[in-house]
Amino acid sequence: MVKNPTVQLSIAGVDVGRNKVTVCILDDIPDDLKRFKSKYKKLEFKANAADIKRFLALPFDGAILEPTGGHYSRIWAYQLKEAGKVVKWVGHQEIAAYRESWRVFNKSDATDCIALACYGLERWNRPVFFLSEKQADLSAYYQQLQHLNRVKNPIINRLRQQLCHECPEVAEKKIDRPWLDDNPPGLLLVIAQEKESVKWQKIIDDSIGTGISEFSREEARMLCHIERQELEIEKMLMLLLERPEYSPYRQVFDKFSISNRTAIALLTVIFPIRRFLDDGREIREHVTTSNGKRATRNHSLSKFKLACGLGQVWHQSGDTSKWVPGGNSDVREALWRWCKVSVVMTPDLSKPDIAALRKYYEEGTTIMVDGKEKHLDPGVRNQKVMRVVRRMLTSLYKELLSVG
């Protein structure tokens, strides 16, 4: 064991599961995390009063948790704070990269809690390596919003199927509520019998369909309830987004016509930008390529793209080995929607960055290879969209570096 020179504290790494935590308490950093894991007897505590009491009776000063799982980790953080323990949060990408830096590639409850404890010991007095409480809140609220969206979609699809024979004239009408709009869509309110509308009621009354069923009305009521939940979460997210530390980021986002909803998705995985650096410097590596040429790999940029869902990870299963998309799929989806709206359908060509991306979307680009020009086609359909997103992320990364 190597005595930690930075801080003389006992730190608990707390890996949170559905109804339990796996805990490792360290006051020294092990020489070899993998070897230490094979000898360490992990501590497990269930989410009940007796186990929480036993957990809090252990001798440690502070705890390191990940905000992943949202509500699962919140109850443990609450109990820790009530007991006077210091709680710090670290992002999933950071702890995964830290664990791999110890050459521990297999994820488990034991390796995660040990890695969390080591991470906390090494960096306890360096706030830049931890998420702020508000950052954890931003991530939690965004996860709630994504959950509601996933719950809502199958209900909308079922309601549309019902309307195909009950009132086909409105079955394909748009029923999405704009961001921060105060009320659910008018059509939903009328079907749910929560509001009167001469326009929609006339269409329903004159329909060739079989009439709105009570089942469809209940579906519409559920959707109205979800829409109101979404609105409250959106308001909380906007309050968090107004915090001064996000202001420079939002100014950069505006150059790329990034909406508030997409900005929130990005901030949950990229703030602060220095999390992708090493003591404020980009992580670069000089390598020799397969054709014998020297090249530079920007690992900071690669980590940035991976966090945004646009990286590649090596996947091996049985006899199959290949590169597959890695990173946050929710953020990847948000960026796909951003491109479809801000670059493809309604680009603001007065913004130079958007104009350049639109030009690339339409024409591709030309690069120099061995002193000769080579044209790169932008691709087709989704491939085309995602190539634009990757190009935007490179520019966004460079812009964000300048604001810290």
Protein backbone atom coordinates (compact mmCIF):
# COMPACT_ATOMS: atom_id res chain seq x y z
CA MET A 1 0.00 0.00 0.00
CA VAL A 2 1.16 3.50 -0.86
CA LYS A 3 0.41 6.16 1.72
CA ASN A 4 -1.62 8.93 0.14
CA PRO A 5 0.38 12.17 0.43
CA THR A 6 -2.52 14.47 -0.40
CA VAL A 7 -5.15 13.85 2.23
CA GLN A 8 -5.21 11.91 5.51
CA LEU A 9 -8.80 10.78 5.45
CA SER A 10 -10.74 7.55 5.23
CA ILE A 11 -12.84 7.56 2.08
CA ALA A 12 -15.74 5.24 1.28
CA GLY A 13 -16.26 4.27 -2.34
CA VAL A 14 -20.00 3.56 -2.62
CA ASP A 15 -21.25 1.64 -5.65
CA VAL A 16 -25.04 1.93 -5.67
CA GLY A 17 -27.31 -0.85 -6.89
CA ARG A 18 -31.07 -1.16 -7.09
CA ASN A 19 -31.62 -1.90 -3.39
CA LYS A 20 -28.12 -2.14 -1.94
CA VAL A 21 -24.66 -0.59 -1.92
CA THR A 22 -21.24 -2.17 -2.17
CA VAL A 23 -18.69 -0.27 -0.10
CA CYS A 24 -14.90 -0.06 0.07
CA ILE A 25 -13.23 2.12 2.73
CA LEU A 26 -9.61 3.14 2.17
CA ASP A 27 -7.13 5.49 3.76
CA ASP A 28 -4.25 4.29 1.55
CA ILE A 29 -4.05 3.73 -2.19
CA PRO A 30 -3.25 0.11 -3.10
CA ASP A 31 -0.22 -0.71 -5.26
CA ASP A 32 -2.33 -2.77 -7.65
CA LEU A 33 -6.10 -2.37 -7.78
CA LYS A 34 -6.69 -5.71 -9.51
CA ARG A 35 -4.60 -7.66 -7.00
CA PHE A 36 -6.13 -5.74 -4.10
CA LYS A 37 -9.61 -6.61 -5.36
CA SER A 38 -8.86 -10.33 -5.22
CA LYS A 39 -8.03 -10.04 -1.49
CA TYR A 40 -10.54 -7.40 -0.45
CA LYS A 41 -13.71 -8.62 1.25
CA LYS A 42 -16.42 -6.33 -0.05
CA LEU A 43 -19.00 -4.82 2.27
CA GLU A 44 -22.66 -4.88 1.21
CA PHE A 45 -25.57 -3.08 2.80
CA LYS A 46 -29.24 -3.25 1.84
CA ALA A 47 -31.60 -0.27 1.76
CA ASN A 48 -33.18 -0.84 5.15
CA ALA A 49 -32.88 0.90 8.51
CA ALA A 50 -30.69 -1.76 10.16
CA ASP A 51 -28.14 -1.95 7.32
CA ILE A 52 -27.99 1.83 6.90
CA LYS A 53 -27.24 2.14 10.62
CA ARG A 54 -24.42 -0.43 10.30
CA PHE A 55 -23.05 1.36 7.24
CA LEU A 56 -23.00 4.79 8.88
CA ALA A 57 -21.30 3.35 11.99
CA LEU A 58 -18.20 2.49 9.92
CA PRO A 59 -15.14 4.74 10.40
CA PHE A 60 -14.90 7.00 7.33
CA ASP A 61 -14.91 10.75 6.72
CA GLY A 62 -16.44 11.09 3.27
CA ALA A 63 -18.05 9.11 0.47
CA ILE A 64 -17.73 9.05 -3.31
CA LEU A 65 -20.80 8.16 -5.38
CA GLU A 66 -21.88 8.19 -9.02
CA PRO A 67 -25.15 9.98 -9.89
CA THR A 68 -26.09 7.12 -12.24
CA GLY A 69 -29.31 5.44 -11.21
CA GLY A 70 -30.63 8.82 -10.05
CA HIS A 71 -32.99 7.95 -7.21
CA TYR A 72 -31.05 4.87 -6.09
CA SER A 73 -28.01 6.97 -5.18
CA ARG A 74 -29.98 9.90 -3.76
CA ILE A 75 -31.31 8.04 -0.73
CA TRP A 76 -27.80 6.96 0.26
CA ALA A 77 -26.44 10.48 -0.27
CA TYR A 78 -29.25 11.82 1.90
CA GLN A 79 -28.49 9.37 4.73
CA LEU A 80 -24.76 10.11 4.52
CA LYS A 81 -25.31 13.85 4.75
CA GLU A 82 -27.73 13.44 7.66
CA ALA A 83 -24.97 11.53 9.46
CA GLY A 84 -22.52 14.39 8.90
CA LYS A 85 -20.48 12.70 6.17
CA VAL A 86 -19.13 14.63 3.19
CA VAL A 87 -20.52 13.39 -0.12
CA LYS A 88 -18.84 13.97 -3.47
CA TRP A 89 -20.04 12.93 -6.91
CA VAL A 90 -18.00 11.64 -9.85
CA GLY A 91 -19.27 11.08 -13.40
CA HIS A 92 -19.66 7.61 -14.87
CA GLN A 93 -17.24 8.31 -17.73
CA GLU A 94 -14.57 9.57 -15.34
CA ILE A 95 -14.69 6.58 -13.02
CA ALA A 96 -14.78 4.13 -15.95
CA ALA A 97 -11.67 5.76 -17.43
CA TYR A 98 -10.01 5.81 -14.01
CA ARG A 99 -10.71 2.11 -13.47
CA GLU A 100 -9.26 1.30 -16.88
CA SER A 101 -6.14 3.34 -16.07
CA TRP A 102 -5.48 0.66 -13.44
CA ARG A 103 -5.84 -1.93 -16.23
CA VAL A 104 -9.08 -3.19 -14.72
CA PHE A 105 -11.43 -3.56 -17.68
CA ASN A 106 -14.08 -5.85 -16.20
CA LYS A 107 -16.76 -3.86 -14.44
CA SER A 108 -18.18 -5.25 -11.18
CA ASP A 109 -19.58 -3.89 -7.93
CA ALA A 110 -16.31 -4.67 -6.15
CA THR A 111 -14.01 -3.04 -8.72
CA ASP A 112 -16.25 0.02 -8.95
CA CYS A 113 -16.38 0.70 -5.20
CA ILE A 114 -12.60 0.22 -4.88
CA ALA A 115 -12.00 2.53 -7.86
CA LEU A 116 -14.34 5.13 -6.35
CA ALA A 117 -12.46 5.03 -3.04
CA CYS A 118 -9.05 5.34 -4.77
CA TYR A 119 -10.35 8.17 -6.98
CA GLY A 120 -11.57 10.02 -3.89
CA LEU A 121 -8.28 9.59 -2.04
CA GLU A 122 -6.20 10.83 -4.97
CA ARG A 123 -8.37 13.84 -5.80
CA TRP A 124 -10.31 14.77 -2.65
CA ASN A 125 -8.92 18.32 -2.49
CA ARG A 126 -9.22 18.96 -6.25
CA PRO A 127 -12.84 20.05 -6.89
CA VAL A 128 -12.36 20.08 -10.66
CA PHE A 129 -12.50 16.28 -10.67
CA PHE A 130 -15.94 16.11 -9.05
CA LEU A 131 -19.45 17.05 -10.13
CA SER A 132 -21.15 19.87 -8.28
CA GLU A 133 -24.41 19.16 -6.46
CA LYS A 134 -26.24 21.22 -9.08
CA GLN A 135 -24.59 19.20 -11.83
CA ALA A 136 -25.93 16.02 -10.23
CA ASP A 137 -29.38 17.65 -10.05
CA LEU A 138 -29.17 18.57 -13.75
CA SER A 139 -28.40 14.97 -14.64
CA ALA A 140 -31.16 13.59 -12.38
CA TYR A 141 -33.85 15.91 -13.78
CA TYR A 142 -32.78 15.15 -17.34
CA GLN A 143 -33.03 11.41 -16.64
CA GLN A 144 -36.55 11.95 -15.30
CA LEU A 145 -37.50 13.85 -18.44
CA GLN A 146 -36.12 11.08 -20.66
CA HIS A 147 -38.05 8.49 -18.63
CA LEU A 148 -41.33 10.38 -19.06
CA ASN A 149 -40.69 10.68 -22.79
CA ARG A 150 -40.16 6.92 -23.06
CA VAL A 151 -43.35 6.28 -21.05
CA LYS A 152 -45.33 8.72 -23.19
CA ASN A 153 -44.42 7.39 -26.64
CA PRO A 154 -46.20 4.00 -26.47
CA ILE A 155 -49.33 5.69 -25.05
CA ILE A 156 -49.33 8.15 -27.96
CA ASN A 157 -48.92 5.29 -30.43
CA ARG A 158 -51.80 3.36 -28.88
CA LEU A 159 -54.03 6.45 -28.87
CA ARG A 160 -53.30 7.03 -32.56
CA GLN A 161 -54.27 3.43 -33.31
CA GLN A 162 -57.57 3.94 -31.49
CA LEU A 163 -58.25 7.19 -33.32
CA CYS A 164 -57.74 5.50 -36.70
CA HIS A 165 -61.26 4.06 -36.35
CA GLU A 166 -62.76 6.34 -33.68
CA CYS A 167 -61.91 9.65 -35.36
CA PRO A 168 -59.54 9.15 -38.33
CA GLU A 169 -59.56 12.88 -39.13
CA VAL A 170 -57.33 13.60 -36.12
CA ALA A 171 -55.37 10.32 -35.90
CA GLU A 172 -52.26 11.82 -37.51
CA LYS A 173 -52.50 15.32 -36.06
CA LYS A 174 -49.43 16.64 -34.22
CA ILE A 175 -49.94 16.39 -30.45
CA ASP A 176 -46.49 17.36 -29.18
CA ARG A 177 -46.28 20.13 -26.59
CA PRO A 178 -43.56 22.74 -27.30
CA TRP A 179 -40.78 23.10 -24.71
CA LEU A 180 -42.01 25.09 -21.67
CA ASP A 181 -45.52 25.48 -23.11
CA ASP A 182 -47.92 25.91 -20.18
CA ASN A 183 -50.59 23.43 -21.23
CA PRO A 184 -50.85 19.99 -22.84
CA PRO A 185 -51.79 20.03 -26.57
CA GLY A 186 -55.36 21.22 -27.19
CA LEU A 187 -56.43 18.03 -28.99
CA LEU A 188 -55.41 15.92 -25.98
CA LEU A 189 -57.34 18.20 -23.61
CA VAL A 190 -60.50 17.89 -25.73
CA ILE A 191 -60.27 14.10 -26.04
CA ALA A 192 -59.66 13.91 -22.26
CA GLN A 193 -62.71 16.19 -21.74
CA GLU A 194 -60.58 18.65 -19.78
CA LYS A 195 -61.21 21.57 -22.13
CA GLU A 196 -63.80 22.69 -24.67
CA SER A 197 -62.77 23.69 -28.18
CA VAL A 198 -65.18 24.57 -30.96
CA LYS A 199 -62.57 23.66 -33.61
CA TRP A 200 -61.67 20.19 -32.35
CA GLN A 201 -65.17 19.32 -31.13
CA LYS A 202 -66.66 20.03 -34.56
CA ILE A 203 -64.10 17.73 -36.21
CA ILE A 204 -64.90 14.98 -33.68
CA ASP A 205 -68.68 15.45 -33.99
CA ASP A 206 -68.59 15.38 -37.82
CA SER A 207 -66.16 12.45 -37.99
CA ILE A 208 -66.87 9.33 -40.04
CA GLY A 209 -65.40 7.29 -37.16
CA THR A 210 -67.06 5.17 -34.49
CA GLY A 211 -66.74 7.85 -31.80
CA ILE A 212 -64.21 8.50 -29.03
CA SER A 213 -64.16 5.61 -26.55
CA GLU A 214 -63.68 5.90 -22.81
CA PHE A 215 -60.43 3.95 -23.23
CA SER A 216 -59.07 6.67 -25.55
CA ARG A 217 -60.20 9.38 -23.15
CA GLU A 218 -58.26 7.69 -20.31
CA GLU A 219 -55.18 7.42 -22.54
CA ALA A 220 -55.47 11.15 -23.28
CA ARG A 221 -55.81 11.92 -19.55
CA MET A 222 -52.65 9.94 -18.81
CA LEU A 223 -50.81 11.88 -21.51
CA CYS A 224 -52.03 15.21 -20.10
CA HIS A 225 -50.74 14.18 -16.67
CA ILE A 226 -47.33 13.23 -18.11
CA GLU A 227 -47.17 16.49 -20.07
CA ARG A 228 -47.71 18.47 -16.85
CA GLN A 229 -45.00 16.46 -15.10
CA GLU A 230 -42.65 17.21 -17.98
CA LEU A 231 -43.42 20.92 -17.76
CA GLU A 232 -42.49 21.09 -14.07
CA ILE A 233 -39.19 19.29 -14.74
CA GLU A 234 -38.47 21.59 -17.69
CA LYS A 235 -38.94 24.61 -15.44
CA MET A 236 -36.50 23.18 -12.88
CA LEU A 237 -33.98 22.46 -15.63
CA MET A 238 -34.25 26.01 -16.96
CA LEU A 239 -33.55 27.40 -13.48
CA LEU A 240 -30.43 25.24 -13.29
CA LEU A 241 -29.43 26.25 -16.82
CA GLU A 242 -29.47 29.92 -15.78
CA ARG A 243 -26.60 29.34 -13.33
CA PRO A 244 -23.57 31.57 -14.10
CA GLU A 245 -21.13 28.67 -14.65
CA TYR A 246 -23.16 27.56 -17.66
CA SER A 247 -23.30 31.01 -19.29
CA PRO A 248 -20.06 30.68 -21.36
CA TYR A 249 -21.19 27.25 -22.55
CA ARG A 250 -24.59 28.56 -23.62
CA GLN A 251 -22.93 31.34 -25.61
CA VAL A 252 -20.94 28.70 -27.51
CA PHE A 253 -24.07 26.55 -27.96
CA ASP A 254 -25.85 29.52 -29.52
CA LYS A 255 -23.26 29.64 -32.33
CA PHE A 256 -24.43 26.16 -33.33
CA SER A 257 -28.19 26.85 -32.83
CA ILE A 258 -28.30 24.32 -30.00
CA SER A 259 -31.66 24.49 -28.22
CA ASN A 260 -32.06 24.56 -24.45
CA ARG A 261 -33.19 20.93 -24.36
CA THR A 262 -30.15 19.75 -26.32
CA ALA A 263 -27.91 22.05 -24.26
CA ILE A 264 -29.10 20.34 -21.08
CA ALA A 265 -28.41 16.91 -22.58
CA LEU A 266 -24.87 18.02 -23.48
CA LEU A 267 -24.13 19.65 -20.14
CA THR A 268 -24.98 16.45 -18.27
CA VAL A 269 -22.01 14.72 -19.95
CA ILE A 270 -19.47 17.42 -20.90
CA PHE A 271 -19.46 19.97 -18.06
CA PRO A 272 -16.88 21.05 -17.14
CA ILE A 273 -14.87 20.68 -20.34
CA ARG A 274 -11.67 20.34 -18.33
CA ARG A 275 -12.81 16.86 -17.25
CA PHE A 276 -11.43 15.69 -20.63
CA LEU A 277 -8.01 17.23 -19.98
CA ASP A 278 -5.05 16.23 -17.87
CA ASP A 279 -4.14 19.10 -15.52
CA GLY A 280 -5.51 21.56 -18.08
CA ARG A 281 -3.71 20.04 -21.06
CA GLU A 282 -5.07 17.98 -23.90
CA ILE A 283 -4.11 14.32 -23.83
CA ARG A 284 -2.24 13.66 -27.09
CA GLU A 285 -0.32 10.62 -28.25
CA HIS A 286 2.09 10.28 -31.17
CA VAL A 287 1.65 6.97 -32.99
CA THR A 288 2.83 5.20 -36.11
CA THR A 289 -0.05 4.26 -38.42
CA SER A 290 -0.42 0.99 -40.33
CA ASN A 291 1.17 2.56 -43.41
CA GLY A 292 4.24 3.64 -41.43
CA LYS A 293 3.39 7.34 -41.11
CA ARG A 294 3.53 9.35 -37.89
CA ALA A 295 0.24 10.69 -36.57
CA THR A 296 -1.12 12.37 -33.46
CA ARG A 297 -4.14 11.04 -31.58
CA ASN A 298 -6.13 13.58 -29.57
CA HIS A 299 -7.49 11.42 -26.77
CA SER A 300 -9.23 14.39 -25.12
CA LEU A 301 -11.32 14.97 -28.23
CA SER A 302 -12.02 11.23 -28.51
CA LYS A 303 -13.23 11.12 -24.89
CA PHE A 304 -15.39 14.19 -25.53
CA LYS A 305 -17.07 12.54 -28.52
CA LEU A 306 -17.49 9.29 -26.63
CA ALA A 307 -19.24 11.11 -23.77
CA CYS A 308 -21.62 12.62 -26.35
CA GLY A 309 -22.45 9.20 -27.74
CA LEU A 310 -20.39 9.61 -30.91
CA GLY A 311 -17.34 7.57 -29.93
CA GLN A 312 -16.40 4.06 -30.93
CA VAL A 313 -15.72 1.23 -28.48
CA TRP A 314 -14.29 -2.20 -29.25
CA HIS A 315 -16.94 -4.88 -28.72
CA GLN A 316 -16.11 -8.55 -28.53
CA SER A 317 -18.72 -11.28 -28.20
CA GLY A 318 -17.91 -14.90 -28.99
CA ASP A 319 -16.23 -15.01 -32.39
CA THR A 320 -17.32 -11.46 -33.29
CA SER A 321 -15.11 -8.42 -32.71
CA LYS A 322 -15.97 -4.98 -34.04
CA TRP A 323 -16.16 -1.28 -33.31
CA VAL A 324 -19.61 -0.15 -32.18
CA PRO A 325 -21.07 3.24 -31.20
CA GLY A 326 -20.33 4.04 -27.55
CA GLY A 327 -21.29 6.68 -25.04
CA ASN A 328 -24.61 8.15 -23.93
CA SER A 329 -27.38 7.08 -26.33
CA ASP A 330 -29.79 9.78 -25.05
CA VAL A 331 -27.28 12.52 -25.93
CA ARG A 332 -26.59 10.87 -29.30
CA GLU A 333 -30.33 10.95 -30.04
CA ALA A 334 -30.57 14.60 -28.95
CA LEU A 335 -27.72 15.52 -31.30
CA TRP A 336 -29.38 13.64 -34.15
CA ARG A 337 -32.54 15.74 -33.62
CA TRP A 338 -30.41 18.91 -33.41
CA CYS A 339 -28.89 18.18 -36.82
CA LYS A 340 -32.24 17.40 -38.45
CA VAL A 341 -33.69 20.70 -37.21
CA SER A 342 -30.75 23.14 -37.12
CA VAL A 343 -28.79 21.95 -40.15
CA VAL A 344 -31.21 20.07 -42.41
CA MET A 345 -34.69 21.59 -42.06
CA THR A 346 -34.36 25.15 -40.69
CA PRO A 347 -30.69 26.20 -40.74
CA ASP A 348 -29.85 29.75 -39.63
CA LEU A 349 -27.33 30.49 -42.37
CA SER A 350 -26.47 33.86 -40.78
CA LYS A 351 -24.41 31.87 -38.27
CA PRO A 352 -21.04 30.94 -39.85
CA ASP A 353 -20.79 27.60 -38.04
CA ILE A 354 -24.23 26.52 -39.21
CA ALA A 355 -23.55 27.73 -42.75
CA ALA A 356 -20.34 25.67 -42.85
CA LEU A 357 -22.10 22.57 -41.55
CA ARG A 358 -24.90 22.99 -44.07
CA LYS A 359 -22.35 23.27 -46.87
CA TYR A 360 -20.67 20.09 -45.68
CA TYR A 361 -24.08 18.35 -45.46
CA GLU A 362 -24.80 19.24 -49.08
CA GLU A 363 -21.38 18.97 -50.72
CA GLY A 364 -18.99 17.08 -48.44
CA THR A 365 -15.44 18.40 -48.12
CA THR A 366 -12.03 18.32 -49.78
CA ILE A 367 -8.78 17.39 -48.00
CA MET A 368 -5.15 17.13 -49.08
CA VAL A 369 -3.64 13.63 -49.21
CA ASP A 370 0.00 13.31 -50.33
CA GLY A 371 -0.17 16.73 -51.95
CA LYS A 372 -3.35 15.91 -53.90
CA GLU A 373 -6.91 17.02 -53.31
CA LYS A 374 -9.31 14.29 -52.24
CA HIS A 375 -13.06 14.79 -52.07
CA LEU A 376 -14.92 13.25 -49.11
CA ASP A 377 -18.61 12.61 -49.70
CA PRO A 378 -20.91 13.38 -46.72
CA GLY A 379 -22.69 10.02 -47.08
CA VAL A 380 -26.41 9.25 -47.23
CA ARG A 381 -29.38 9.45 -44.86
CA ASN A 382 -28.46 8.80 -41.18
CA GLN A 383 -24.80 8.35 -42.05
CA LYS A 384 -24.86 11.85 -43.49
CA VAL A 385 -26.52 13.30 -40.39
CA MET A 386 -24.11 11.66 -37.95
CA ARG A 387 -21.07 12.79 -39.95
CA VAL A 388 -22.35 16.35 -39.60
CA VAL A 389 -22.78 15.80 -35.85
CA ARG A 390 -19.21 14.49 -35.50
CA ARG A 391 -17.92 17.50 -37.42
CA MET A 392 -19.92 19.83 -35.18
CA LEU A 393 -18.60 18.16 -32.02
CA THR A 394 -15.01 18.75 -33.13
CA SER A 395 -15.75 22.46 -33.58
CA LEU A 396 -17.78 22.61 -30.36
CA TYR A 397 -14.95 20.99 -28.40
CA LYS A 398 -12.42 23.56 -29.67
CA GLU A 399 -14.77 26.45 -28.85
CA LEU A 400 -15.44 25.15 -25.33
CA LEU A 401 -11.73 24.81 -24.60
CA SER A 402 -11.43 28.56 -24.95
CA VAL A 403 -14.09 29.20 -22.27
CA GLY A 404 -12.81 26.58 -19.82
